[in-house]
Protein backbone atom coordinates (compact mmCIF):
# COMPACT_ATOMS: atom_id res chain seq x y z
CA MET A 1 -2.43 -16.31 17.42
CA ALA A 2 -3.63 -19.93 17.84
CA VAL A 3 -6.81 -20.81 20.00
CA ILE A 4 -7.03 -23.54 22.01
CA TYR A 5 -10.53 -25.30 23.22
CA ILE A 6 -10.74 -27.85 25.35
CA GLN A 7 -13.70 -29.58 25.00
CA LYS A 8 -15.57 -32.32 26.60
CA ALA A 9 -17.01 -35.10 25.25
CA LEU A 10 -20.04 -36.17 26.40
CA ILE A 11 -19.90 -40.28 25.32
CA THR A 12 -16.04 -40.84 26.41
CA LYS A 13 -16.36 -38.16 29.72
CA VAL A 14 -13.07 -37.51 27.80
CA CYS A 15 -11.31 -34.00 27.42
CA VAL A 16 -10.14 -33.54 24.17
CA MET A 17 -7.57 -31.20 22.64
CA MET A 18 -8.56 -29.14 19.31
CA LEU A 19 -6.14 -26.78 18.81
CA LEU A 20 -7.51 -24.11 15.63
CA ILE A 21 -5.57 -22.60 13.64
CA PRO A 22 -6.52 -19.64 11.79
CA HIS A 23 -7.03 -20.64 8.56
CA ALA A 24 -6.65 -19.25 5.14
CA LYS A 25 -8.85 -16.45 3.10
CA SER A 26 -10.68 -18.55 1.22
CA GLU A 27 -11.46 -17.55 -2.51
CA GLY A 28 -14.58 -16.33 -2.03
CA ASP A 29 -14.10 -14.03 0.79
CA LYS A 30 -14.12 -10.14 0.11
CA VAL A 31 -10.51 -8.27 0.17
CA ASP A 32 -11.04 -4.53 0.17
CA GLY A 33 -8.13 -3.01 -1.79
CA GLY A 34 -5.28 -0.95 0.03
CA TRP A 35 -3.21 1.66 -1.48
CA THR A 36 0.77 0.95 -1.91
CA GLU A 37 3.30 3.72 -0.58
CA TRP A 38 3.96 6.95 -3.25
CA SER A 39 6.57 6.50 -5.62
CA LEU A 40 9.87 7.92 -4.71
CA LEU A 41 11.03 11.40 -6.06
CA SER A 42 13.63 12.13 -8.07
CA ASP A 43 15.30 14.89 -8.22
CA SER A 44 15.99 14.16 -11.99
CA ASP A 45 11.77 13.45 -12.42
CA CYS A 46 11.88 17.38 -11.76
CA SER A 47 10.23 19.67 -14.68
CA GLU A 48 13.00 22.41 -12.87
CA PRO A 49 16.16 22.01 -11.98
CA CYS A 50 15.97 25.03 -9.50
CA GLY A 51 13.99 27.91 -8.80
CA GLY A 52 11.20 25.93 -8.23
CA GLY A 53 9.59 22.47 -10.03
CA GLU A 54 7.10 19.66 -10.09
CA GLN A 55 6.74 16.22 -10.10
CA THR A 56 3.66 13.56 -9.96
CA GLN A 57 3.92 11.13 -7.22
CA VAL A 58 1.65 7.73 -8.38
CA ARG A 59 0.40 4.76 -6.23
CA THR A 60 -1.92 1.53 -7.10
CA CYS A 61 -4.84 0.36 -5.25
CA THR A 62 -2.52 -3.29 -5.09
CA ASN A 63 -2.07 -3.59 -0.80
CA PRO A 64 -4.07 -5.97 -1.66
CA LYS A 65 -5.75 -5.67 -4.42
CA PRO A 66 -9.61 -5.67 -4.62
CA GLN A 67 -10.87 -9.12 -4.73
CA ASN A 68 -14.17 -10.82 -4.79
CA GLY A 69 -16.71 -7.43 -4.60
CA GLY A 70 -14.02 -6.14 -2.23
CA LYS A 71 -13.94 -2.01 -2.05
CA ASP A 72 -11.81 -0.41 -4.04
CA CYS A 73 -8.85 1.91 -3.02
CA GLU A 74 -10.06 5.52 -2.16
CA GLY A 75 -8.70 8.23 -3.24
CA ASP A 76 -6.29 9.98 -6.20
CA ASP A 77 -4.29 8.06 -7.49
CA HIS A 78 -1.37 10.58 -8.40
CA ARG A 79 -0.65 13.95 -6.68
CA THR A 80 1.99 16.76 -7.93
CA VAL A 81 4.44 17.75 -5.48
CA ARG A 82 7.17 21.30 -5.61
CA CYS A 83 10.21 20.18 -5.53
CA ASN A 84 13.92 21.88 -6.23
CA GLU A 85 13.02 24.88 -5.05
CA GLU A 86 16.53 26.29 -4.30
CA SER A 87 17.71 29.74 -6.11
CA CYS A 88 19.12 29.57 -9.84
CA GLU A 89 21.20 31.65 -9.10
CA GLY A 90 24.73 31.34 -9.28
CA LYS A 91 23.62 28.86 -11.49
CA VAL A 92 24.71 27.79 -15.15
CA LEU A 93 22.06 26.55 -16.89
CA LEU A 94 21.66 24.25 -20.02
CA LYS A 95 18.67 23.74 -22.36
CA VAL A 96 19.20 21.02 -24.05
CA ARG A 97 16.69 21.27 -27.57
């Protein structure tokens, strides 16, 4: 959003319009880190094909990355979630060694 200021010049008594556009952050501004979304889950990443398994999701502190002394992200960068919780009953499972 642009902000418009009208300033009265004292010497010429002429109104001067100045358009101030928000500037990009300078190189010295602190930028606090932010988390990315959790990684997408795939059934093939589950520890078990059925009967309940686990898989790990990850996220990174790069949205944005902390810069110029900004705060690092708080919390865990990985988590374990349950997967493939349907019963193995009636399924033929092959395990390759």
